[in-house]
Amino acid sequence: MYIVVKHNISNPAKFWETAQAAMPTLPKDVKLHSTLPNHEGSNAVCLWEANSIDAVKEAIEPLLGQMSKNEYFEVDAKKAIGLPK
């Protein structure tokens, strides 16, 4: 399933540094497809693929939860445009 995470980031410098460093340590069943930040780095939307929203939350919240408020939702793949194949 595809999951979107909307990040409202309170500490952009630390958030992006931490996110970049964490990429190699992500669980194999949680895949990041794209990250779309604004110019200031204070907001971003990310597209993930995983078995559940909880799997993505468990990967993200311990690392980034103190630096951003994160909103998660499952993508309706039947209505989506441009999902990875």
PDB file of N, CA and C in Angstrom:
ATOM      1  N   MET A   1       0.841  -1.170   0.000  1.00  0.00           N
ATOM      2  CA  MET A   1       0.000   0.000   0.000  1.00  0.00           C
ATOM      3  C   MET A   1       0.886   1.232   0.000  1.00  0.00           C
ATOM      4  N   TYR A   2       0.324   2.321  -0.535  1.00  0.00           N
ATOM      5  CA  TYR A   2       1.041   3.592  -0.537  1.00  0.00           C
ATOM      6  C   TYR A   2       0.497   4.473   0.581  1.00  0.00           C
ATOM      7  N   ILE A   3       1.404   5.186   1.221  1.00  0.00           N
ATOM      8  CA  ILE A   3       1.065   6.058   2.340  1.00  0.00           C
ATOM      9  C   ILE A   3       1.704   7.410   2.086  1.00  0.00           C
ATOM     10  N   VAL A   4       0.933   8.474   2.318  1.00  0.00           N
ATOM     11  CA  VAL A   4       1.462   9.827   2.238  1.00  0.00           C
ATOM     12  C   VAL A   4       1.650  10.334   3.659  1.00  0.00           C
ATOM     13  N   VAL A   5       2.770  11.005   3.881  1.00  0.00           N
ATOM     14  CA  VAL A   5       3.024  11.659   5.161  1.00  0.00           C
ATOM     15  C   VAL A   5       3.232  13.143   4.877  1.00  0.00           C
ATOM     16  N   LYS A   6       2.430  13.963   5.539  1.00  0.00           N
ATOM     17  CA  LYS A   6       2.575  15.418   5.461  1.00  0.00           C
ATOM     18  C   LYS A   6       3.310  15.858   6.713  1.00  0.00           C
ATOM     19  N   HIS A   7       4.453  16.510   6.526  1.00  0.00           N
ATOM     20  CA  HIS A   7       5.291  16.959   7.636  1.00  0.00           C
ATOM     21  C   HIS A   7       5.175  18.479   7.804  1.00  0.00           C
ATOM     22  N   ASN A   8       4.893  18.912   9.010  1.00  0.00           N
ATOM     23  CA  ASN A   8       4.970  20.324   9.384  1.00  0.00           C
ATOM     24  C   ASN A   8       6.180  20.406  10.306  1.00  0.00           C
ATOM     25  N   ILE A   9       7.285  20.939   9.815  1.00  0.00           N
ATOM     26  CA  ILE A   9       8.602  20.793  10.430  1.00  0.00           C
ATOM     27  C   ILE A   9       8.960  22.029  11.255  1.00  0.00           C
ATOM     28  N   SER A  10       9.294  21.799  12.519  1.00  0.00           N
ATOM     29  CA  SER A  10       9.638  22.904  13.421  1.00  0.00           C
ATOM     30  C   SER A  10      11.136  23.223  13.420  1.00  0.00           C
ATOM     31  N   ASN A  11      11.965  22.261  13.069  1.00  0.00           N
ATOM     32  CA  ASN A  11      13.417  22.462  13.050  1.00  0.00           C
ATOM     33  C   ASN A  11      13.952  21.891  11.731  1.00  0.00           C
ATOM     34  N   PRO A  12      13.832  22.652  10.641  1.00  0.00           N
ATOM     35  CA  PRO A  12      14.196  22.105   9.337  1.00  0.00           C
ATOM     36  C   PRO A  12      15.631  21.586   9.236  1.00  0.00           C
ATOM     37  N   ALA A  13      16.591  22.301   9.759  1.00  0.00           N
ATOM     38  CA  ALA A  13      17.988  21.864   9.621  1.00  0.00           C
ATOM     39  C   ALA A  13      18.191  20.487  10.257  1.00  0.00           C
ATOM     40  N   LYS A  14      17.712  20.332  11.462  1.00  0.00           N
ATOM     41  CA  LYS A  14      17.867  19.060  12.173  1.00  0.00           C
ATOM     42  C   LYS A  14      17.019  17.957  11.525  1.00  0.00           C
ATOM     43  N   PHE A  15      15.806  18.294  11.109  1.00  0.00           N
ATOM     44  CA  PHE A  15      14.921  17.325  10.460  1.00  0.00           C
ATOM     45  C   PHE A  15      15.600  16.719   9.239  1.00  0.00           C
ATOM     46  N   TRP A  16      16.076  17.558   8.328  1.00  0.00           N
ATOM     47  CA  TRP A  16      16.646  17.055   7.080  1.00  0.00           C
ATOM     48  C   TRP A  16      17.962  16.326   7.308  1.00  0.00           C
ATOM     49  N   GLU A  17      18.755  16.788   8.260  1.00  0.00           N
ATOM     50  CA  GLU A  17      19.995  16.082   8.606  1.00  0.00           C
ATOM     51  C   GLU A  17      19.670  14.686   9.139  1.00  0.00           C
ATOM     52  N   THR A  18      18.707  14.609  10.037  1.00  0.00           N
ATOM     53  CA  THR A  18      18.322  13.325  10.637  1.00  0.00           C
ATOM     54  C   THR A  18      17.700  12.399   9.595  1.00  0.00           C
ATOM     55  N   ALA A  19      16.830  12.932   8.761  1.00  0.00           N
ATOM     56  CA  ALA A  19      16.175  12.126   7.733  1.00  0.00           C
ATOM     57  C   ALA A  19      17.197  11.537   6.764  1.00  0.00           C
ATOM     58  N   GLN A  20      18.127  12.347   6.336  1.00  0.00           N
ATOM     59  CA  GLN A  20      19.153  11.873   5.395  1.00  0.00           C
ATOM     60  C   GLN A  20      19.996  10.767   6.026  1.00  0.00           C
ATOM     61  N   ALA A  21      20.392  10.941   7.264  1.00  0.00           N
ATOM     62  CA  ALA A  21      21.218   9.942   7.948  1.00  0.00           C
ATOM     63  C   ALA A  21      20.461   8.642   8.184  1.00  0.00           C
ATOM     64  N   ALA A  22      19.142   8.719   8.321  1.00  0.00           N
ATOM     65  CA  ALA A  22      18.335   7.537   8.639  1.00  0.00           C
ATOM     66  C   ALA A  22      18.012   6.674   7.421  1.00  0.00           C
ATOM     67  N   MET A  23      18.155   7.199   6.230  1.00  0.00           N
ATOM     68  CA  MET A  23      17.754   6.459   5.029  1.00  0.00           C
ATOM     69  C   MET A  23      18.333   5.047   4.954  1.00  0.00           C
ATOM     70  N   PRO A  24      19.614   4.837   5.199  1.00  0.00           N
ATOM     71  CA  PRO A  24      20.147   3.472   5.102  1.00  0.00           C
ATOM     72  C   PRO A  24      19.649   2.533   6.204  1.00  0.00           C
ATOM     73  N   THR A  25      19.056   3.071   7.247  1.00  0.00           N
ATOM     74  CA  THR A  25      18.641   2.230   8.375  1.00  0.00           C
ATOM     75  C   THR A  25      17.143   1.906   8.361  1.00  0.00           C
ATOM     76  N   LEU A  26      16.429   2.353   7.336  1.00  0.00           N
ATOM     77  CA  LEU A  26      15.001   2.077   7.269  1.00  0.00           C
ATOM     78  C   LEU A  26      14.748   0.575   7.153  1.00  0.00           C
ATOM     79  N   PRO A  27      13.660   0.101   7.737  1.00  0.00           N
ATOM     80  CA  PRO A  27      13.319  -1.323   7.566  1.00  0.00           C
ATOM     81  C   PRO A  27      13.128  -1.652   6.087  1.00  0.00           C
ATOM     82  N   LYS A  28      13.461  -2.869   5.704  1.00  0.00           N
ATOM     83  CA  LYS A  28      13.379  -3.258   4.295  1.00  0.00           C
ATOM     84  C   LYS A  28      11.953  -3.243   3.754  1.00  0.00           C
ATOM     85  N   ASP A  29      10.962  -3.369   4.643  1.00  0.00           N
ATOM     86  CA  ASP A  29       9.570  -3.394   4.196  1.00  0.00           C
ATOM     87  C   ASP A  29       8.928  -2.003   4.176  1.00  0.00           C
ATOM     88  N   VAL A  30       9.727  -0.961   4.369  1.00  0.00           N
ATOM     89  CA  VAL A  30       9.257   0.426   4.330  1.00  0.00           C
ATOM     90  C   VAL A  30      10.114   1.163   3.301  1.00  0.00           C
ATOM     91  N   LYS A  31       9.475   1.578   2.200  1.00  0.00           N
ATOM     92  CA  LYS A  31      10.226   2.186   1.093  1.00  0.00           C
ATOM     93  C   LYS A  31       9.754   3.615   0.845  1.00  0.00           C
ATOM     94  N   LEU A  32      10.692   4.525   0.809  1.00  0.00           N
ATOM     95  CA  LEU A  32      10.406   5.922   0.476  1.00  0.00           C
ATOM     96  C   LEU A  32      10.536   6.094  -1.033  1.00  0.00           C
ATOM     97  N   HIS A  33       9.454   6.567  -1.677  1.00  0.00           N
ATOM     98  CA  HIS A  33       9.477   6.788  -3.127  1.00  0.00           C
ATOM     99  C   HIS A  33       9.826   8.223  -3.478  1.00  0.00           C
ATOM    100  N   SER A  34       9.280   9.191  -2.743  1.00  0.00           N
ATOM    101  CA  SER A  34       9.592  10.582  -3.051  1.00  0.00           C
ATOM    102  C   SER A  34       9.377  11.475  -1.845  1.00  0.00           C
ATOM    103  N   THR A  35      10.157  12.536  -1.825  1.00  0.00           N
ATOM    104  CA  THR A  35      10.082  13.567  -0.801  1.00  0.00           C
ATOM    105  C   THR A  35       9.963  14.903  -1.521  1.00  0.00           C
ATOM    106  N   LEU A  36       8.932  15.676  -1.156  1.00  0.00           N
ATOM    107  CA  LEU A  36       8.653  16.931  -1.850  1.00  0.00           C
ATOM    108  C   LEU A  36       8.579  18.065  -0.830  1.00  0.00           C
ATOM    109  N   PRO A  37       9.736  18.693  -0.529  1.00  0.00           N
ATOM    110  CA  PRO A  37       9.751  19.776   0.462  1.00  0.00           C
ATOM    111  C   PRO A  37       9.510  21.146  -0.187  1.00  0.00           C
ATOM    112  N   ASN A  38       9.081  22.095   0.643  1.00  0.00           N
ATOM    113  CA  ASN A  38       9.035  23.480   0.180  1.00  0.00           C
ATOM    114  C   ASN A  38      10.450  24.069   0.253  1.00  0.00           C
ATOM    115  N   HIS A  39      10.641  25.278  -0.262  1.00  0.00           N
ATOM    116  CA  HIS A  39      11.979  25.890  -0.314  1.00  0.00           C
ATOM    117  C   HIS A  39      12.604  26.057   1.065  1.00  0.00           C
ATOM    118  N   GLU A  40      11.808  26.390   2.053  1.00  0.00           N
ATOM    119  CA  GLU A  40      12.330  26.624   3.400  1.00  0.00           C
ATOM    120  C   GLU A  40      12.606  25.331   4.156  1.00  0.00           C
ATOM    121  N   GLY A  41      12.075  24.214   3.665  1.00  0.00           N
ATOM    122  CA  GLY A  41      12.249  22.941   4.356  1.00  0.00           C
ATOM    123  C   GLY A  41      11.347  22.791   5.559  1.00  0.00           C
ATOM    124  N   SER A  42      10.371  23.663   5.695  1.00  0.00           N
ATOM    125  CA  SER A  42       9.491  23.632   6.866  1.00  0.00           C
ATOM    126  C   SER A  42       8.233  22.802   6.653  1.00  0.00           C
ATOM    127  N   ASN A  43       7.986  22.402   5.423  1.00  0.00           N
ATOM    128  CA  ASN A  43       6.869  21.525   5.083  1.00  0.00           C
ATOM    129  C   ASN A  43       7.326  20.562   4.009  1.00  0.00           C
ATOM    130  N   ALA A  44       6.779  19.353   4.060  1.00  0.00           N
ATOM    131  CA  ALA A  44       7.103  18.364   3.041  1.00  0.00           C
ATOM    132  C   ALA A  44       5.978  17.347   2.958  1.00  0.00           C
ATOM    133  N   VAL A  45       5.898  16.721   1.794  1.00  0.00           N
ATOM    134  CA  VAL A  45       4.991  15.607   1.569  1.00  0.00           C
ATOM    135  C   VAL A  45       5.864  14.461   1.058  1.00  0.00           C
ATOM    136  N   CYS A  46       5.683  13.287   1.657  1.00  0.00           N
ATOM    137  CA  CYS A  46       6.482  12.127   1.265  1.00  0.00           C
ATOM    138  C   CYS A  46       5.567  10.971   0.890  1.00  0.00           C
ATOM    139  N   LEU A  47       5.962  10.228  -0.135  1.00  0.00           N
ATOM    140  CA  LEU A  47       5.225   9.052  -0.572  1.00  0.00           C
ATOM    141  C   LEU A  47       6.010   7.808  -0.176  1.00  0.00           C
ATOM    142  N   TRP A  48       5.363   6.970   0.607  1.00  0.00           N
ATOM    143  CA  TRP A  48       5.960   5.737   1.116  1.00  0.00           C
ATOM    144  C   TRP A  48       5.193   4.536   0.599  1.00  0.00           C
ATOM    145  N   GLU A  49       5.864   3.385   0.611  1.00  0.00           N
ATOM    146  CA  GLU A  49       5.210   2.113   0.342  1.00  0.00           C
ATOM    147  C   GLU A  49       5.530   1.178   1.500  1.00  0.00           C
ATOM    148  N   ALA A  50       4.489   0.590   2.080  1.00  0.00           N
ATOM    149  CA  ALA A  50       4.656  -0.308   3.218  1.00  0.00           C
ATOM    150  C   ALA A  50       3.395  -1.149   3.367  1.00  0.00           C
ATOM    151  N   ASN A  51       3.438  -2.103   4.276  1.00  0.00           N
ATOM    152  CA  ASN A  51       2.279  -2.963   4.523  1.00  0.00           C
ATOM    153  C   ASN A  51       1.188  -2.260   5.308  1.00  0.00           C
ATOM    154  N   SER A  52       1.541  -1.184   6.026  1.00  0.00           N
ATOM    155  CA  SER A  52       0.553  -0.489   6.850  1.00  0.00           C
ATOM    156  C   SER A  52       1.038   0.914   7.187  1.00  0.00           C
ATOM    157  N   ILE A  53       0.095   1.756   7.596  1.00  0.00           N
ATOM    158  CA  ILE A  53       0.449   3.082   8.093  1.00  0.00           C
ATOM    159  C   ILE A  53       1.309   2.945   9.336  1.00  0.00           C
ATOM    160  N   ASP A  54       0.970   1.991  10.198  1.00  0.00           N
ATOM    161  CA  ASP A  54       1.738   1.801  11.434  1.00  0.00           C
ATOM    162  C   ASP A  54       3.203   1.494  11.155  1.00  0.00           C
ATOM    163  N   ALA A  55       3.484   0.745  10.084  1.00  0.00           N
ATOM    164  CA  ALA A  55       4.880   0.440   9.748  1.00  0.00           C
ATOM    165  C   ALA A  55       5.661   1.712   9.423  1.00  0.00           C
ATOM    166  N   VAL A  56       5.019   2.635   8.710  1.00  0.00           N
ATOM    167  CA  VAL A  56       5.672   3.905   8.377  1.00  0.00           C
ATOM    168  C   VAL A  56       5.827   4.751   9.643  1.00  0.00           C
ATOM    169  N   LYS A  57       4.777   4.808  10.456  1.00  0.00           N
ATOM    170  CA  LYS A  57       4.853   5.570  11.714  1.00  0.00           C
ATOM    171  C   LYS A  57       5.983   5.060  12.599  1.00  0.00           C
ATOM    172  N   GLU A  58       6.108   3.748  12.712  1.00  0.00           N
ATOM    173  CA  GLU A  58       7.156   3.164  13.557  1.00  0.00           C
ATOM    174  C   GLU A  58       8.549   3.500  13.049  1.00  0.00           C
ATOM    175  N   ALA A  59       8.691   3.700  11.738  1.00  0.00           N
ATOM    176  CA  ALA A  59       9.990   4.073  11.164  1.00  0.00           C
ATOM    177  C   ALA A  59      10.279   5.559  11.333  1.00  0.00           C
ATOM    178  N   ILE A  60       9.244   6.401  11.267  1.00  0.00           N
ATOM    179  CA  ILE A  60       9.432   7.848  11.243  1.00  0.00           C
ATOM    180  C   ILE A  60       9.400   8.506  12.618  1.00  0.00           C
ATOM    181  N   GLU A  61       8.404   8.183  13.398  1.00  0.00           N
ATOM    182  CA  GLU A  61       8.170   8.929  14.641  1.00  0.00           C
ATOM    183  C   GLU A  61       9.347   8.944  15.609  1.00  0.00           C
ATOM    184  N   PRO A  62      10.029   7.820  15.861  1.00  0.00           N
ATOM    185  CA  PRO A  62      11.163   7.884  16.796  1.00  0.00           C
ATOM    186  C   PRO A  62      12.285   8.805  16.318  1.00  0.00           C
ATOM    187  N   LEU A  63      12.433   8.942  15.009  1.00  0.00           N
ATOM    188  CA  LEU A  63      13.506   9.764  14.444  1.00  0.00           C
ATOM    189  C   LEU A  63      13.112  11.228  14.293  1.00  0.00           C
ATOM    190  N   LEU A  64      11.896  11.470  13.803  1.00  0.00           N
ATOM    191  CA  LEU A  64      11.522  12.817  13.370  1.00  0.00           C
ATOM    192  C   LEU A  64      10.347  13.422  14.131  1.00  0.00           C
ATOM    193  N   GLY A  65       9.714  12.637  14.972  1.00  0.00           N
ATOM    194  CA  GLY A  65       8.510  13.091  15.657  1.00  0.00           C
ATOM    195  C   GLY A  65       8.694  14.296  16.553  1.00  0.00           C
ATOM    196  N   GLN A  66       9.912  14.512  17.066  1.00  0.00           N
ATOM    197  CA  GLN A  66      10.156  15.681  17.913  1.00  0.00           C
ATOM    198  C   GLN A  66      10.425  16.937  17.094  1.00  0.00           C
ATOM    199  N   MET A  67      10.669  16.769  15.807  1.00  0.00           N
ATOM    200  CA  MET A  67      10.988  17.911  14.942  1.00  0.00           C
ATOM    201  C   MET A  67       9.876  18.249  13.971  1.00  0.00           C
ATOM    202  N   SER A  68       8.832  17.419  13.943  1.00  0.00           N
ATOM    203  CA  SER A  68       7.741  17.690  13.008  1.00  0.00           C
ATOM    204  C   SER A  68       6.444  17.053  13.483  1.00  0.00           C
ATOM    205  N   LYS A  69       5.363  17.703  13.108  1.00  0.00           N
ATOM    206  CA  LYS A  69       4.039  17.133  13.302  1.00  0.00           C
ATOM    207  C   LYS A  69       3.721  16.408  12.008  1.00  0.00           C
ATOM    208  N   ASN A  70       3.386  15.127  12.107  1.00  0.00           N
ATOM    209  CA  ASN A  70       3.233  14.291  10.920  1.00  0.00           C
ATOM    210  C   ASN A  70       1.802  13.792  10.792  1.00  0.00           C
ATOM    211  N   GLU A  71       1.253  13.933   9.596  1.00  0.00           N
ATOM    212  CA  GLU A  71      -0.088  13.447   9.298  1.00  0.00           C
ATOM    213  C   GLU A  71       0.042  12.329   8.267  1.00  0.00           C
ATOM    214  N   TYR A  72      -0.597  11.194   8.530  1.00  0.00           N
ATOM    215  CA  TYR A  72      -0.476  10.005   7.691  1.00  0.00           C
ATOM    216  C   TYR A  72      -1.824   9.675   7.062  1.00  0.00           C
ATOM    217  N   PHE A  73      -1.808   9.261   5.795  1.00  0.00           N
ATOM    218  CA  PHE A  73      -3.025   8.694   5.223  1.00  0.00           C
ATOM    219  C   PHE A  73      -2.684   7.723   4.105  1.00  0.00           C
ATOM    220  N   GLU A  74      -3.565   6.721   3.954  1.00  0.00           N
ATOM    221  CA  GLU A  74      -3.409   5.735   2.905  1.00  0.00           C
ATOM    222  C   GLU A  74      -3.889   6.338   1.590  1.00  0.00           C
ATOM    223  N   VAL A  75      -3.145   6.081   0.536  1.00  0.00           N
ATOM    224  CA  VAL A  75      -3.483   6.566  -0.796  1.00  0.00           C
ATOM    225  C   VAL A  75      -4.546   5.642  -1.401  1.00  0.00           C
ATOM    226  N   ASP A  76      -5.548   6.238  -2.012  1.00  0.00           N
ATOM    227  CA  ASP A  76      -6.534   5.477  -2.779  1.00  0.00           C
ATOM    228  C   ASP A  76      -5.916   5.222  -4.148  1.00  0.00           C
ATOM    229  N   ALA A  77      -5.300   4.064  -4.314  1.00  0.00           N
ATOM    230  CA  ALA A  77      -4.544   3.756  -5.529  1.00  0.00           C
ATOM    231  C   ALA A  77      -5.415   3.769  -6.787  1.00  0.00           C
ATOM    232  N   LYS A  78      -6.703   3.497  -6.645  1.00  0.00           N
ATOM    233  CA  LYS A  78      -7.599   3.491  -7.811  1.00  0.00           C
ATOM    234  C   LYS A  78      -7.823   4.900  -8.357  1.00  0.00           C
ATOM    235  N   LYS A  79      -7.728   5.903  -7.505  1.00  0.00           N
ATOM    236  CA  LYS A  79      -7.962   7.286  -7.929  1.00  0.00           C
ATOM    237  C   LYS A  79      -6.652   8.059  -8.141  1.00  0.00           C
ATOM    238  N   ALA A  80      -5.545   7.520  -7.679  1.00  0.00           N
ATOM    239  CA  ALA A  80      -4.262   8.214  -7.732  1.00  0.00           C
ATOM    240  C   ALA A  80      -3.740   8.297  -9.168  1.00  0.00           C
ATOM    241  N   ILE A  81      -2.950   9.308  -9.414  1.00  0.00           N
ATOM    242  CA  ILE A  81      -2.298   9.512 -10.706  1.00  0.00           C
ATOM    243  C   ILE A  81      -0.799   9.570 -10.460  1.00  0.00           C
ATOM    244  N   GLY A  82      -0.026   8.795 -11.191  1.00  0.00           N
ATOM    245  CA  GLY A  82       1.426   8.874 -11.133  1.00  0.00           C
ATOM    246  C   GLY A  82       2.097   8.046 -10.062  1.00  0.00           C
ATOM    247  N   LEU A  83       1.396   7.057  -9.505  1.00  0.00           N
ATOM    248  CA  LEU A  83       2.062   6.192  -8.514  1.00  0.00           C
ATOM    249  C   LEU A  83       3.170   5.388  -9.189  1.00  0.00           C
ATOM    250  N   PRO A  84       4.209   5.023  -8.431  1.00  0.00           N
ATOM    251  CA  PRO A  84       5.261   4.182  -8.995  1.00  0.00           C
ATOM    252  C   PRO A  84       4.670   2.845  -9.468  1.00  0.00           C
ATOM    253  N   LYS A  85       5.278   2.274 -10.477  1.00  0.00           N
ATOM    254  CA  LYS A  85       4.799   0.985 -11.010  1.00  0.00           C
ATOM    255  C   LYS A  85       5.540  -0.154 -10.384  1.00  0.00           C
TER     256      LYS A  85
END
